Protein backbone atom coordinates (compact mmCIF):
# COMPACT_ATOMS: atom_id res chain seq x y z
CA MET A 1 -105.15 94.24 -1.55
CA ILE A 2 -101.94 96.18 -2.20
CA LYS A 3 -98.91 94.03 -1.42
CA THR A 4 -95.77 95.98 -0.60
CA ASN A 5 -92.24 94.85 -1.37
CA ILE A 6 -89.88 96.77 0.89
CA VAL A 7 -86.15 96.98 0.14
CA ASN A 8 -83.43 98.31 2.47
CA LEU A 9 -85.80 99.49 5.20
CA PRO A 10 -83.58 101.15 7.82
CA ASP A 11 -84.24 101.12 11.55
CA PHE A 12 -86.58 103.83 12.78
CA PRO A 13 -88.13 104.50 16.19
CA PHE A 14 -91.39 103.18 14.68
CA ASN A 15 -92.40 100.12 12.67
CA GLY A 16 -91.77 101.30 9.10
CA LYS A 17 -93.24 98.18 7.50
CA LYS A 18 -96.48 98.58 9.43
CA VAL A 19 -96.72 102.27 8.49
CA ILE A 20 -96.29 101.42 4.79
CA GLN A 21 -98.97 98.73 5.01
CA ARG A 22 -101.39 101.11 6.76
CA LEU A 23 -100.77 103.75 4.09
CA ALA A 24 -101.39 101.21 1.32
CA ARG A 25 -104.71 100.16 2.91
CA MET A 26 -105.85 103.78 3.22
CA VAL A 27 -104.87 104.64 -0.35
CA LYS A 28 -106.77 101.60 -1.58
CA LYS A 29 -109.82 102.70 0.40
CA TYR A 30 -109.69 106.38 -0.58
CA GLU A 31 -108.96 105.71 -4.24
CA HIS A 32 -111.32 102.72 -4.56
CA VAL A 33 -108.51 100.54 -5.89
CA LYS A 34 -109.97 97.17 -6.88
CA GLY A 35 -108.16 93.88 -7.23
CA ARG A 36 -104.71 92.76 -6.18
CA HIS A 37 -101.77 95.07 -6.66
CA VAL A 38 -98.08 95.18 -5.81
CA LEU A 39 -95.83 98.14 -5.24
CA SER A 40 -92.20 98.35 -4.21
CA VAL A 41 -90.71 100.82 -1.76
CA ILE A 42 -86.92 101.08 -2.02
CA PHE A 43 -84.91 103.06 0.51
CA VAL A 44 -81.76 104.69 -0.88
CA SER A 45 -79.03 107.08 0.23
CA GLU A 46 -78.61 110.71 -0.84
CA GLU A 47 -75.95 109.67 -3.38
CA GLU A 48 -78.06 106.83 -4.79
CA MET A 49 -81.03 109.19 -5.16
CA TYR A 50 -78.81 111.70 -6.95
CA GLN A 51 -77.79 109.02 -9.46
CA ILE A 52 -81.40 107.87 -9.99
CA ASN A 53 -82.63 111.45 -10.44
CA LYS A 54 -79.84 112.23 -12.90
CA GLN A 55 -80.22 109.04 -14.92
CA TYR A 56 -84.01 108.90 -15.21
CA ARG A 57 -85.09 112.52 -14.90
CA GLY A 58 -82.03 114.34 -16.19
CA MET A 59 -81.81 116.35 -12.97
CA ASP A 60 -78.37 117.18 -11.59
CA SER A 61 -79.57 116.99 -7.99
CA SER A 62 -80.95 114.64 -5.40
CA THR A 63 -84.54 114.64 -4.16
CA ASP A 64 -86.60 113.12 -1.36
CA VAL A 65 -88.87 110.71 -3.24
CA ILE A 66 -89.26 109.49 -6.82
CA SER A 67 -91.98 107.21 -8.17
CA PHE A 68 -91.88 105.19 -11.35
CA ALA A 69 -95.29 103.89 -12.41
CA GLU A 70 -95.26 100.51 -14.09
CA VAL A 71 -96.22 100.64 -17.73
CA ASP A 72 -99.29 98.52 -18.41
CA ASN A 73 -98.23 95.67 -20.67
CA GLY A 74 -101.83 94.97 -21.64
CA PHE A 75 -101.75 91.40 -20.39
CA GLY A 76 -103.92 92.12 -17.37
CA GLU A 77 -101.75 89.99 -15.11
CA LEU A 78 -102.62 89.84 -11.44
CA PRO A 79 -101.38 91.08 -9.18
CA TYR A 80 -101.00 94.29 -11.13
CA GLU A 81 -97.64 95.99 -10.57
CA LEU A 82 -98.24 99.64 -9.63
CA GLY A 83 -94.58 100.63 -9.72
CA ASP A 84 -91.62 101.59 -7.57
CA ILE A 85 -91.15 104.30 -4.97
CA PHE A 86 -87.58 105.34 -4.14
CA VAL A 87 -87.26 107.11 -0.79
CA ASN A 88 -84.17 109.07 0.24
CA VAL A 89 -83.44 107.90 3.80
CA ASP A 90 -81.13 110.82 4.50
CA ARG A 91 -83.89 113.30 3.72
CA ILE A 92 -86.36 111.74 6.17
CA LYS A 93 -84.35 112.92 9.17
CA SER A 94 -83.18 116.23 7.73
CA GLN A 95 -86.58 117.29 6.41
CA ALA A 96 -88.37 116.23 9.60
CA LYS A 97 -86.01 118.46 11.55
CA SER A 98 -86.27 121.30 9.03
CA TYR A 99 -90.09 121.18 8.96
CA GLY A 100 -90.38 120.75 12.72
CA HIS A 101 -92.22 117.45 12.74
CA SER A 102 -91.46 113.82 13.53
CA GLU A 103 -89.52 111.34 11.42
CA LEU A 104 -92.70 109.26 11.36
CA ARG A 105 -94.58 112.14 9.75
CA GLU A 106 -91.89 112.71 7.11
CA PHE A 107 -91.55 108.97 6.42
CA ALA A 108 -95.30 108.57 5.94
CA PHE A 109 -95.63 111.77 3.91
CA LEU A 110 -92.93 110.77 1.42
CA ILE A 111 -94.26 107.25 0.93
CA LEU A 112 -97.85 108.43 0.60
CA HIS A 113 -96.72 111.10 -1.87
CA GLY A 114 -95.06 108.39 -3.95
CA MET A 115 -98.13 106.14 -3.80
CA LEU A 116 -100.37 108.92 -5.06
CA HIS A 117 -97.99 109.61 -7.95
CA LEU A 118 -98.25 105.92 -8.91
CA LEU A 119 -102.03 106.34 -9.06
CA GLY A 120 -101.77 109.32 -11.40
CA TYR A 121 -101.71 112.30 -9.05
CA ASP A 122 -99.35 115.12 -9.86
CA HIS A 123 -98.57 118.67 -8.75
CA GLN A 124 -97.54 120.42 -11.94
CA THR A 125 -100.31 122.99 -11.62
CA GLU A 126 -101.59 124.87 -8.58
CA ASN A 127 -104.92 123.03 -8.76
CA GLU A 128 -103.25 119.61 -8.99
CA GLU A 129 -101.01 120.48 -6.07
CA LYS A 130 -103.94 121.59 -3.89
CA GLN A 131 -105.85 118.40 -4.67
CA MET A 132 -102.91 116.07 -4.08
CA PHE A 133 -101.68 117.73 -0.90
CA ALA A 134 -105.21 117.95 0.55
CA LEU A 135 -105.66 114.21 0.02
CA GLN A 136 -102.27 113.53 1.62
CA GLU A 137 -103.23 115.59 4.68
CA GLU A 138 -106.61 113.87 4.94
CA ILE A 139 -105.10 110.38 4.81
CA LEU A 140 -102.29 111.22 7.25
CA ASN A 141 -104.75 112.82 9.68
CA CYS A 142 -107.05 109.80 9.40
CA LEU A 143 -104.09 107.64 10.46
CA ALA A 144 -103.29 110.10 13.28
CA ILE A 145 -99.94 110.97 11.69
CA GLU A 146 -100.12 114.68 12.24
CA ARG A 147 -97.68 117.57 12.11
CA LYS A 148 -96.21 117.87 15.61
């Protein structure tokens, strides 16, 4: 089980909490995650994301999603804290419009992207990017959250 703590979830024309829970179940299934885990999804504004990105990554810009994996303290406590995903609410609408798909698709994509980062996926190389983005597409398609 992956328990999700959701902070500042705005209103959307879909059930955001349910989408996050469905994504967590699919990630657990696809990645064979065993045991009990917790992750937090925190929704922030463009300005808040700018401050987070600047403070923790040294980047003088905002972004759409940032994940911070929890450092294993070695105590093996359950449930195991996977980490935090910060999602820029302002980017959900603007990027959905820019990419020509639904807010649901952008919402799910950003959260799934953050979840995969917490599990060790990255996209620093072309091969890593292909692998990560292919898995994202597969999971989103499995949940019928397609580009429309």
